[in-house]
């Protein structure tokens, strides 16, 4: 009799466990379907800190706490800081002179970690930084040359933007650096950007001079040659005022108050 009771209890208990497993599996399946196709973010159910456990991104309970935006902001901030550290190495050493060891040392990461962020290695790093530099220069300076508006005002705004882009003469232009030191696609992209910027300045001068195209092209070349030359000298000698002086001369030339000495015979 006792054996029968124990046997019945054994089967009853086993059925209870099986029912519990079924309920758990059903619950997990529902959660997977709700979060299907999502990416990783920090889960609010994580124990002991926001980075302890990672869960699905698009779950409604996680979206309600704003975890997605916070993690994305942290990732963007971290990548921006990493790009800035790499940028300084390329600016100082050029493309050929920047080794993976130097890039890793500047960021505080191992070479393997750098490859995790940039699977294409140094070429991908340079390509990313070049796109960032072109976008920043266009936004801060060269977009000021786009119509509508008075040509003189556009050129003045361009000079102000050029100073901001170069940190008022404290930072060289990566586009120029890669145009000189890189090879292949990076060098071609950098030179193409510089040629396009020259064309934009030429069009602004053409509007200012009422269609005197040859003189407009000459003045555009002179302006950019002096600005970028002054920038190179300012950074090399650590004398940012050299760029600011060049910008000031061109402001006066545009306003018509004076013309730089080497342009008197134009």
Protein backbone atom coordinates (compact mmCIF):
# COMPACT_ATOMS: atom_id res chain seq x y z
CA UNK A 1 0.00 0.00 0.00
CA UNK A 2 2.80 2.40 0.91
CA UNK A 3 4.55 1.69 -2.40
CA UNK A 4 1.38 2.56 -4.31
CA UNK A 5 1.07 5.88 -2.47
CA UNK A 6 4.71 6.79 -3.20
CA UNK A 7 4.33 5.81 -6.86
CA UNK A 8 1.19 7.94 -7.23
CA UNK A 9 2.94 10.89 -5.58
CA UNK A 10 5.90 10.48 -7.92
CA UNK A 11 3.71 10.61 -11.06
CA UNK A 12 1.67 13.53 -9.71
CA UNK A 13 4.79 15.53 -8.97
CA UNK A 14 6.27 14.77 -12.40
CA UNK A 15 3.10 15.99 -14.10
CA UNK A 16 3.25 19.25 -12.13
CA UNK A 17 6.83 19.88 -13.23
CA UNK A 18 5.95 19.12 -16.85
CA UNK A 19 3.03 21.54 -16.71
CA UNK A 20 5.32 24.23 -15.29
CA UNK A 21 7.85 23.67 -18.09
CA UNK A 22 5.10 24.01 -20.70
CA UNK A 23 3.92 27.29 -19.16
CA UNK A 24 7.50 28.61 -19.12
CA UNK A 25 8.11 27.64 -22.73
CA UNK A 26 4.86 29.29 -23.81
CA UNK A 27 5.78 32.50 -21.97
CA UNK A 28 9.27 32.57 -23.51
CA UNK A 29 7.83 32.03 -26.99
CA UNK A 30 5.45 34.96 -26.53
CA UNK A 31 8.30 37.22 -25.41
CA UNK A 32 10.44 36.18 -28.39
CA UNK A 33 7.60 36.95 -30.78
CA UNK A 34 7.07 40.39 -29.20
CA UNK A 35 10.76 41.21 -29.51
CA UNK A 36 11.40 39.56 -32.88
CA UNK A 37 13.88 41.30 -35.14
CA UNK A 38 15.24 43.58 -32.44
CA UNK A 39 18.85 44.46 -31.54
CA UNK A 40 20.71 44.64 -28.26
CA UNK A 41 20.24 47.33 -25.65
CA UNK A 42 20.51 47.39 -21.92
CA UNK A 43 17.58 45.62 -20.34
CA UNK A 44 15.70 47.28 -17.47
CA UNK A 45 15.43 43.84 -15.94
CA UNK A 46 19.23 43.68 -15.66
CA UNK A 47 20.51 43.08 -12.18
CA UNK A 48 23.20 45.19 -10.62
CA UNK A 49 23.65 48.00 -13.12
CA UNK A 50 22.71 48.96 -16.64
CA UNK A 51 25.44 46.92 -18.28
CA UNK A 52 24.88 43.66 -16.44
CA UNK A 53 22.43 42.04 -18.87
CA UNK A 54 21.52 42.83 -22.46
CA UNK A 55 18.13 42.19 -23.91
CA UNK A 56 16.00 42.94 -26.96
CA UNK A 57 15.72 46.52 -28.11
CA UNK A 58 12.17 46.88 -29.30
CA UNK A 59 10.32 45.38 -26.34
CA UNK A 60 7.60 47.73 -25.18
CA UNK A 61 8.71 47.71 -21.54
CA UNK A 62 12.25 48.75 -22.58
CA UNK A 63 11.11 51.43 -24.97
CA UNK A 64 8.96 52.91 -22.23
CA UNK A 65 12.06 53.51 -20.10
CA UNK A 66 14.03 55.14 -22.93
CA UNK A 67 16.90 52.66 -22.81
CA UNK A 68 17.31 52.59 -26.58
CA UNK A 69 18.07 56.29 -26.91
CA UNK A 70 20.44 56.26 -23.95
CA UNK A 71 22.49 53.38 -25.29
CA UNK A 72 22.57 54.89 -28.79
CA UNK A 73 23.74 58.21 -27.35
CA UNK A 74 26.53 56.49 -25.45
CA UNK A 75 27.60 54.58 -28.56
CA UNK A 76 27.65 57.74 -30.69
CA UNK A 77 29.60 59.62 -28.05
CA UNK A 78 32.13 56.82 -27.71
CA UNK A 79 32.60 56.56 -31.49
CA UNK A 80 32.98 60.34 -31.83
CA UNK A 81 35.69 60.35 -29.16
CA UNK A 82 37.46 57.47 -30.89
CA UNK A 83 37.31 59.26 -34.25
CA UNK A 84 38.78 62.41 -32.71
CA UNK A 85 41.71 60.48 -31.23
CA UNK A 86 42.43 58.82 -34.56
CA UNK A 87 42.10 62.15 -36.35
CA UNK A 88 44.94 63.69 -34.37
CA UNK A 89 47.29 60.87 -35.39
CA UNK A 90 46.49 61.24 -39.10
CA UNK A 91 46.83 65.02 -38.90
CA UNK A 92 50.24 64.79 -37.26
CA UNK A 93 51.71 61.90 -39.22
CA UNK A 94 49.78 61.69 -42.48
CA UNK A 95 48.37 58.49 -43.90
CA UNK A 96 51.65 56.68 -44.54
CA UNK A 97 53.19 57.74 -41.24
CA UNK A 98 50.26 56.61 -39.09
CA UNK A 99 50.89 53.02 -38.00
CA UNK A 100 48.38 50.73 -36.35
CA UNK A 101 50.53 50.70 -33.23
CA UNK A 102 50.39 54.50 -33.01
CA UNK A 103 46.66 54.55 -33.69
CA UNK A 104 46.04 51.93 -31.01
CA UNK A 105 48.22 53.80 -28.52
CA UNK A 106 46.37 57.08 -29.17
CA UNK A 107 43.00 55.45 -28.47
CA UNK A 108 44.11 53.27 -25.58
CA UNK A 109 42.80 50.21 -27.39
CA UNK A 110 44.50 47.08 -28.61
CA UNK A 111 44.91 46.46 -32.33
CA UNK A 112 42.26 43.75 -32.10
CA UNK A 113 39.81 46.22 -30.55
CA UNK A 114 40.54 48.74 -33.30
CA UNK A 115 39.74 46.09 -35.90
CA UNK A 116 36.49 45.43 -34.06
CA UNK A 117 35.47 49.07 -34.62
CA UNK A 118 37.09 49.32 -38.07
CA UNK A 119 37.19 45.89 -39.73
CA UNK A 120 38.88 47.45 -42.77
CA UNK A 121 41.84 48.59 -40.69
CA UNK A 122 43.68 51.84 -41.33
CA UNK A 123 42.06 52.33 -44.73
CA UNK A 124 38.59 52.27 -43.21
CA UNK A 125 39.66 54.64 -40.43
CA UNK A 126 41.02 57.14 -42.95
CA UNK A 127 37.93 56.82 -45.14
CA UNK A 128 35.60 57.48 -42.22
CA UNK A 129 37.61 60.47 -41.03
CA UNK A 130 37.84 61.88 -44.55
CA UNK A 131 34.06 61.76 -44.96
CA UNK A 132 33.65 63.44 -41.58
CA UNK A 133 36.15 66.16 -42.50
CA UNK A 134 34.52 66.85 -45.88
CA UNK A 135 31.09 67.01 -44.28
CA UNK A 136 32.27 69.35 -41.53
CA UNK A 137 34.10 71.70 -43.92
CA UNK A 138 31.13 71.81 -46.24
CA UNK A 139 28.70 72.50 -43.43
CA UNK A 140 30.76 75.15 -41.61
CA UNK A 141 32.34 76.97 -44.55
CA UNK A 142 31.49 76.06 -48.12
CA UNK A 143 27.72 75.83 -47.66
CA UNK A 144 27.84 79.58 -46.89
CA UNK A 145 28.64 80.17 -50.57
CA UNK A 146 25.36 78.71 -51.77
CA UNK A 147 22.62 81.03 -53.06
CA UNK A 148 20.48 82.89 -52.28
CA UNK A 149 22.27 85.90 -50.87
CA UNK A 150 24.72 88.62 -51.78
CA UNK A 151 28.03 87.26 -53.05
CA UNK A 152 30.09 89.51 -50.75
CA UNK A 153 28.12 88.35 -47.71
CA UNK A 154 28.52 84.74 -48.78
CA UNK A 155 32.30 85.10 -49.07
CA UNK A 156 32.48 86.81 -45.67
CA UNK A 157 30.44 84.01 -44.12
CA UNK A 158 32.71 81.47 -45.81
CA UNK A 159 35.78 83.07 -44.20
CA UNK A 160 34.13 82.94 -40.78
CA UNK A 161 33.25 79.29 -41.33
CA UNK A 162 36.77 78.46 -42.50
CA UNK A 163 38.14 79.82 -39.23
CA UNK A 164 35.72 77.67 -37.25
CA UNK A 165 36.53 74.61 -39.33
CA UNK A 166 40.27 75.01 -38.63
CA UNK A 167 39.75 75.88 -34.95
CA UNK A 168 40.96 79.43 -35.72
CA UNK A 169 44.24 78.19 -37.11
CA UNK A 170 44.95 75.50 -34.52
CA UNK A 171 44.08 72.42 -36.57
CA UNK A 172 45.10 71.41 -40.07
CA UNK A 173 42.65 70.19 -42.71
CA UNK A 174 42.58 66.39 -42.99
CA UNK A 175 41.39 66.65 -46.60
CA UNK A 176 44.65 68.39 -47.54
CA UNK A 177 46.70 65.93 -45.48
CA UNK A 178 45.21 62.88 -47.19
CA UNK A 179 45.38 64.51 -50.63
CA UNK A 180 49.16 64.69 -50.14
CA UNK A 181 49.96 61.60 -48.09
CA UNK A 182 47.39 58.96 -49.08
CA UNK A 183 47.19 56.89 -52.24
CA UNK A 184 44.42 55.39 -54.30
CA UNK A 185 40.78 56.15 -53.53
CA UNK A 186 41.42 58.29 -50.45
CA UNK A 187 43.73 60.64 -52.35
CA UNK A 188 41.31 60.86 -55.26
CA UNK A 189 38.37 61.64 -52.99
CA UNK A 190 40.34 64.31 -51.15
CA UNK A 191 41.49 66.01 -54.36
CA UNK A 192 37.99 65.85 -55.78
CA UNK A 193 36.64 67.60 -52.68
CA UNK A 194 39.27 70.35 -52.94
CA UNK A 195 38.49 70.89 -56.62
CA UNK A 196 34.79 71.08 -55.88
CA UNK A 197 35.40 73.66 -53.13
CA UNK A 198 37.48 75.76 -55.50
CA UNK A 199 34.61 75.69 -57.97
CA UNK A 200 32.19 76.88 -55.28
CA UNK A 201 34.45 79.82 -54.37
CA UNK A 202 34.86 80.66 -58.07
CA UNK A 203 31.10 80.83 -58.56
CA UNK A 204 30.76 83.19 -55.61
CA UNK A 205 33.45 85.46 -57.02
CA UNK A 206 31.88 85.26 -60.46
CA UNK A 207 28.64 86.58 -58.98
CA UNK A 208 30.54 89.29 -57.11
CA UNK A 209 32.35 90.43 -60.28
CA UNK A 210 29.26 90.29 -62.49
CA UNK A 211 30.42 87.48 -64.73
CA UNK A 212 34.13 88.21 -65.06
CA UNK A 213 34.90 84.52 -65.05
CA UNK A 214 38.68 84.55 -65.56
CA UNK A 215 39.27 87.06 -62.79
CA UNK A 216 36.85 85.16 -60.54
CA UNK A 217 38.77 81.91 -61.09
CA UNK A 218 42.08 83.66 -60.40
CA UNK A 219 40.83 85.24 -57.17
CA UNK A 220 39.35 81.94 -55.99
CA UNK A 221 42.68 80.18 -56.54
CA UNK A 222 44.56 82.97 -54.76
CA UNK A 223 42.18 82.94 -51.80
CA UNK A 224 42.33 79.19 -51.25
CA UNK A 225 46.09 79.05 -51.82
CA UNK A 226 46.65 81.76 -49.22
CA UNK A 227 44.19 80.34 -46.69
CA UNK A 228 45.46 76.77 -46.84
CA UNK A 229 49.08 77.93 -47.02
CA UNK A 230 48.59 80.16 -43.99
CA UNK A 231 46.90 77.27 -42.18
CA UNK A 232 49.81 74.93 -42.85
CA UNK A 233 52.31 77.52 -41.63
CA UNK A 234 50.20 78.38 -38.59
CA UNK A 235 49.93 74.75 -37.49
CA UNK A 236 53.59 73.97 -38.24
CA UNK A 237 54.90 76.96 -36.32
CA UNK A 238 52.14 76.81 -33.71
CA UNK A 239 51.18 80.39 -34.54
CA UNK A 240 47.41 80.43 -35.20
CA UNK A 241 47.44 84.19 -35.71
CA UNK A 242 48.97 83.63 -39.15
CA UNK A 243 45.72 82.18 -40.42
CA UNK A 244 43.67 84.87 -38.72
CA UNK A 245 45.77 87.52 -40.45
CA UNK A 246 45.17 85.91 -43.84
CA UNK A 247 41.43 85.79 -43.17
CA UNK A 248 41.47 89.44 -42.14
CA UNK A 249 43.25 90.45 -45.35
CA UNK A 250 40.67 88.69 -47.48
CA UNK A 251 37.81 90.26 -45.56
CA UNK A 252 39.24 93.67 -46.36
CA UNK A 253 39.82 92.70 -49.98
CA UNK A 254 36.21 91.57 -50.35
CA UNK A 255 34.81 94.66 -48.69
CA UNK A 256 36.90 96.77 -51.06
CA UNK A 257 38.61 98.88 -48.39
CA UNK A 258 42.09 97.70 -49.36
CA UNK A 259 43.63 95.05 -51.56
CA UNK A 260 46.58 92.92 -50.52
CA UNK A 261 49.79 94.21 -52.06
CA UNK A 262 50.32 91.25 -54.38
CA UNK A 263 46.89 91.85 -55.99
CA UNK A 264 47.24 95.53 -56.84
CA UNK A 265 48.12 94.80 -60.45
CA UNK A 266 45.20 92.38 -61.12
